[in-house]
Amino acid sequence: MASRYRTPAPPSPRRLTAAPRASAVRVLPTLEEFVLGGDGQIAIGSIGPIACAAVANDEHNMLAALVRRPDETLQQLLERLDRAVQLALENEIFTDEINAPDTPRPASSRR
């Protein structure tokens, strides 16, 4: 006699489907090339006491580290990150809003 109990099927993987685009405009062209081209990676989320930040790096350097501004949307943060990565790749100008710059000590306190 066969058992009436069946093992439940495993849940199917969740997938996001993107809505078709009305145009072929690339919204974040620098990030798209940077990440999908295999040269780098980005991370978005909380970092220590910072509630929301976006960081872009390659295997050697951090190109940009941005802190989300009050009332800034995720799209706006990504657009700023796209521009910051472009500055780093084209002009070697690195943006770091997370780490405090090294401030020189006054000459009187040096030994």
C-alpha atoms as a PDB file:
ATOM      1  CA  MET A   1       0.000   0.000   0.000  1.00  0.00           C
ATOM      2  CA  ALA A   2       1.421   3.393  -1.015  1.00  0.00           C
ATOM      3  CA  SER A   3       1.876   6.122   1.539  1.00  0.00           C
ATOM      4  CA  ARG A   4      -0.577   9.009   1.417  1.00  0.00           C
ATOM      5  CA  TYR A   5       2.069  11.481   2.549  1.00  0.00           C
ATOM      6  CA  ARG A   6       4.195  13.104  -0.076  1.00  0.00           C
ATOM      7  CA  THR A   7       7.338  15.082   0.404  1.00  0.00           C
ATOM      8  CA  PRO A   8       6.603  18.696  -0.455  1.00  0.00           C
ATOM      9  CA  ALA A   9       8.336  20.019  -3.533  1.00  0.00           C
ATOM     10  CA  PRO A  10      11.163  22.440  -2.802  1.00  0.00           C
ATOM     11  CA  PRO A  11      10.216  26.082  -3.319  1.00  0.00           C
ATOM     12  CA  SER A  12      11.003  27.415  -6.739  1.00  0.00           C
ATOM     13  CA  PRO A  13      13.703  30.091  -6.898  1.00  0.00           C
ATOM     14  CA  ARG A  14      12.473  33.655  -6.825  1.00  0.00           C
ATOM     15  CA  ARG A  15      13.213  35.680  -9.909  1.00  0.00           C
ATOM     16  CA  LEU A  16      12.772  39.314 -10.707  1.00  0.00           C
ATOM     17  CA  THR A  17      11.574  40.157 -14.158  1.00  0.00           C
ATOM     18  CA  ALA A  18      12.451  43.534 -15.518  1.00  0.00           C
ATOM     19  CA  ALA A  19       9.852  45.523 -17.345  1.00  0.00           C
ATOM     20  CA  PRO A  20      10.707  46.066 -20.987  1.00  0.00           C
ATOM     21  CA  ARG A  21      12.408  49.378 -21.622  1.00  0.00           C
ATOM     22  CA  ALA A  22      10.813  51.984 -23.803  1.00  0.00           C
ATOM     23  CA  SER A  23      14.203  53.081 -25.118  1.00  0.00           C
ATOM     24  CA  ALA A  24      17.738  51.780 -25.294  1.00  0.00           C
ATOM     25  CA  VAL A  25      19.139  54.605 -23.149  1.00  0.00           C
ATOM     26  CA  ARG A  26      21.796  53.379 -20.729  1.00  0.00           C
ATOM     27  CA  VAL A  27      21.041  54.882 -17.328  1.00  0.00           C
ATOM     28  CA  LEU A  28      24.301  54.009 -15.531  1.00  0.00           C
ATOM     29  CA  PRO A  29      26.770  53.464 -18.389  1.00  0.00           C
ATOM     30  CA  THR A  30      29.987  53.662 -16.358  1.00  0.00           C
ATOM     31  CA  LEU A  31      28.774  51.257 -13.656  1.00  0.00           C
ATOM     32  CA  GLU A  32      27.402  48.908 -16.282  1.00  0.00           C
ATOM     33  CA  GLU A  33      30.750  48.697 -18.050  1.00  0.00           C
ATOM     34  CA  PHE A  34      32.717  48.625 -14.782  1.00  0.00           C
ATOM     35  CA  VAL A  35      30.740  45.754 -13.235  1.00  0.00           C
ATOM     36  CA  LEU A  36      29.563  43.746 -16.229  1.00  0.00           C
ATOM     37  CA  GLY A  37      32.911  44.148 -17.969  1.00  0.00           C
ATOM     38  CA  GLY A  38      34.444  42.161 -15.120  1.00  0.00           C
ATOM     39  CA  ASP A  39      36.767  44.906 -13.890  1.00  0.00           C
ATOM     40  CA  GLY A  40      35.074  45.810 -10.644  1.00  0.00           C
ATOM     41  CA  GLN A  41      32.324  45.449  -8.139  1.00  0.00           C
ATOM     42  CA  ILE A  42      29.938  47.637  -6.211  1.00  0.00           C
ATOM     43  CA  ALA A  43      28.378  47.213  -2.786  1.00  0.00           C
ATOM     44  CA  ILE A  44      25.373  49.069  -1.421  1.00  0.00           C
ATOM     45  CA  GLY A  45      24.134  48.878   2.152  1.00  0.00           C
ATOM     46  CA  SER A  46      25.068  49.640   5.718  1.00  0.00           C
ATOM     47  CA  ILE A  47      28.724  49.887   6.660  1.00  0.00           C
ATOM     48  CA  GLY A  48      29.374  50.113  10.386  1.00  0.00           C
ATOM     49  CA  PRO A  49      27.517  53.135  11.757  1.00  0.00           C
ATOM     50  CA  ILE A  50      26.619  54.362   8.245  1.00  0.00           C
ATOM     51  CA  ALA A  51      23.025  53.453   7.417  1.00  0.00           C
ATOM     52  CA  CYS A  52      23.472  53.442   3.641  1.00  0.00           C
ATOM     53  CA  ALA A  53      26.580  53.729   1.512  1.00  0.00           C
ATOM     54  CA  ALA A  54      27.689  52.784  -1.980  1.00  0.00           C
ATOM     55  CA  VAL A  55      31.244  51.613  -2.674  1.00  0.00           C
ATOM     56  CA  ALA A  56      32.917  50.797  -5.983  1.00  0.00           C
ATOM     57  CA  ASN A  57      36.257  49.013  -6.180  1.00  0.00           C
ATOM     58  CA  ASP A  58      38.417  46.957  -8.473  1.00  0.00           C
ATOM     59  CA  GLU A  59      40.974  44.383  -7.390  1.00  0.00           C
ATOM     60  CA  HIS A  60      43.493  47.117  -6.517  1.00  0.00           C
ATOM     61  CA  ASN A  61      41.697  50.317  -5.485  1.00  0.00           C
ATOM     62  CA  MET A  62      38.573  51.747  -3.975  1.00  0.00           C
ATOM     63  CA  LEU A  63      37.383  54.122  -6.676  1.00  0.00           C
ATOM     64  CA  ALA A  64      34.452  55.678  -4.822  1.00  0.00           C
ATOM     65  CA  ALA A  65      32.788  55.476  -1.416  1.00  0.00           C
ATOM     66  CA  LEU A  66      29.621  57.515  -1.068  1.00  0.00           C
ATOM     67  CA  VAL A  67      27.280  58.085   1.871  1.00  0.00           C
ATOM     68  CA  ARG A  68      23.575  58.356   1.038  1.00  0.00           C
ATOM     69  CA  ARG A  69      22.360  61.888   1.607  1.00  0.00           C
ATOM     70  CA  PRO A  70      19.126  62.696   3.461  1.00  0.00           C
ATOM     71  CA  ASP A  71      16.146  62.294   1.112  1.00  0.00           C
ATOM     72  CA  GLU A  72      18.395  60.850  -1.638  1.00  0.00           C
ATOM     73  CA  THR A  73      16.793  57.974  -3.536  1.00  0.00           C
ATOM     74  CA  LEU A  74      18.641  54.801  -4.415  1.00  0.00           C
ATOM     75  CA  GLN A  75      18.557  55.846  -8.069  1.00  0.00           C
ATOM     76  CA  GLN A  76      20.171  59.188  -7.216  1.00  0.00           C
ATOM     77  CA  LEU A  77      22.848  57.470  -5.135  1.00  0.00           C
ATOM     78  CA  LEU A  78      23.617  55.124  -8.023  1.00  0.00           C
ATOM     79  CA  GLU A  79      23.803  58.047 -10.448  1.00  0.00           C
ATOM     80  CA  ARG A  80      26.314  59.789  -8.143  1.00  0.00           C
ATOM     81  CA  LEU A  81      28.293  56.548  -7.898  1.00  0.00           C
ATOM     82  CA  ASP A  82      28.300  56.265 -11.700  1.00  0.00           C
ATOM     83  CA  ARG A  83      29.757  59.786 -12.000  1.00  0.00           C
ATOM     84  CA  ALA A  84      32.304  59.162  -9.226  1.00  0.00           C
ATOM     85  CA  VAL A  85      33.526  55.947 -10.880  1.00  0.00           C
ATOM     86  CA  GLN A  86      33.811  57.787 -14.188  1.00  0.00           C
ATOM     87  CA  LEU A  87      35.948  60.479 -12.487  1.00  0.00           C
ATOM     88  CA  ALA A  88      38.187  57.810 -10.990  1.00  0.00           C
ATOM     89  CA  LEU A  89      38.638  55.864 -14.220  1.00  0.00           C
ATOM     90  CA  GLU A  90      39.166  58.858 -16.500  1.00  0.00           C
ATOM     91  CA  ASN A  91      40.930  61.384 -14.230  1.00  0.00           C
ATOM     92  CA  GLU A  92      42.172  59.322 -11.270  1.00  0.00           C
ATOM     93  CA  ILE A  93      40.070  61.439  -8.903  1.00  0.00           C
ATOM     94  CA  PHE A  94      38.903  59.146  -6.106  1.00  0.00           C
ATOM     95  CA  THR A  95      35.866  60.098  -4.015  1.00  0.00           C
ATOM     96  CA  ASP A  96      35.745  58.983  -0.379  1.00  0.00           C
ATOM     97  CA  GLU A  97      32.890  60.246   1.791  1.00  0.00           C
ATOM     98  CA  ILE A  98      33.257  57.438   4.333  1.00  0.00           C
ATOM     99  CA  ASN A  99      36.805  57.571   5.658  1.00  0.00           C
ATOM    100  CA  ALA A 100      38.026  60.718   7.356  1.00  0.00           C
ATOM    101  CA  PRO A 101      41.026  62.265   5.606  1.00  0.00           C
ATOM    102  CA  ASP A 102      44.309  62.220   7.427  1.00  0.00           C
ATOM    103  CA  THR A 103      44.615  65.608   9.046  1.00  0.00           C
ATOM    104  CA  PRO A 104      48.124  66.851   9.690  1.00  0.00           C
ATOM    105  CA  ARG A 105      48.957  67.575  13.286  1.00  0.00           C
ATOM    106  CA  PRO A 106      50.097  71.098  14.176  1.00  0.00           C
ATOM    107  CA  ALA A 107      53.884  71.512  14.148  1.00  0.00           C
ATOM    108  CA  SER A 108      53.936  72.177  17.887  1.00  0.00           C
ATOM    109  CA  SER A 109      52.555  68.711  18.686  1.00  0.00           C
ATOM    110  CA  ARG A 110      55.041  66.817  16.473  1.00  0.00           C
ATOM    111  CA  ARG A 111      58.028  65.144  18.089  1.00  0.00           C
END
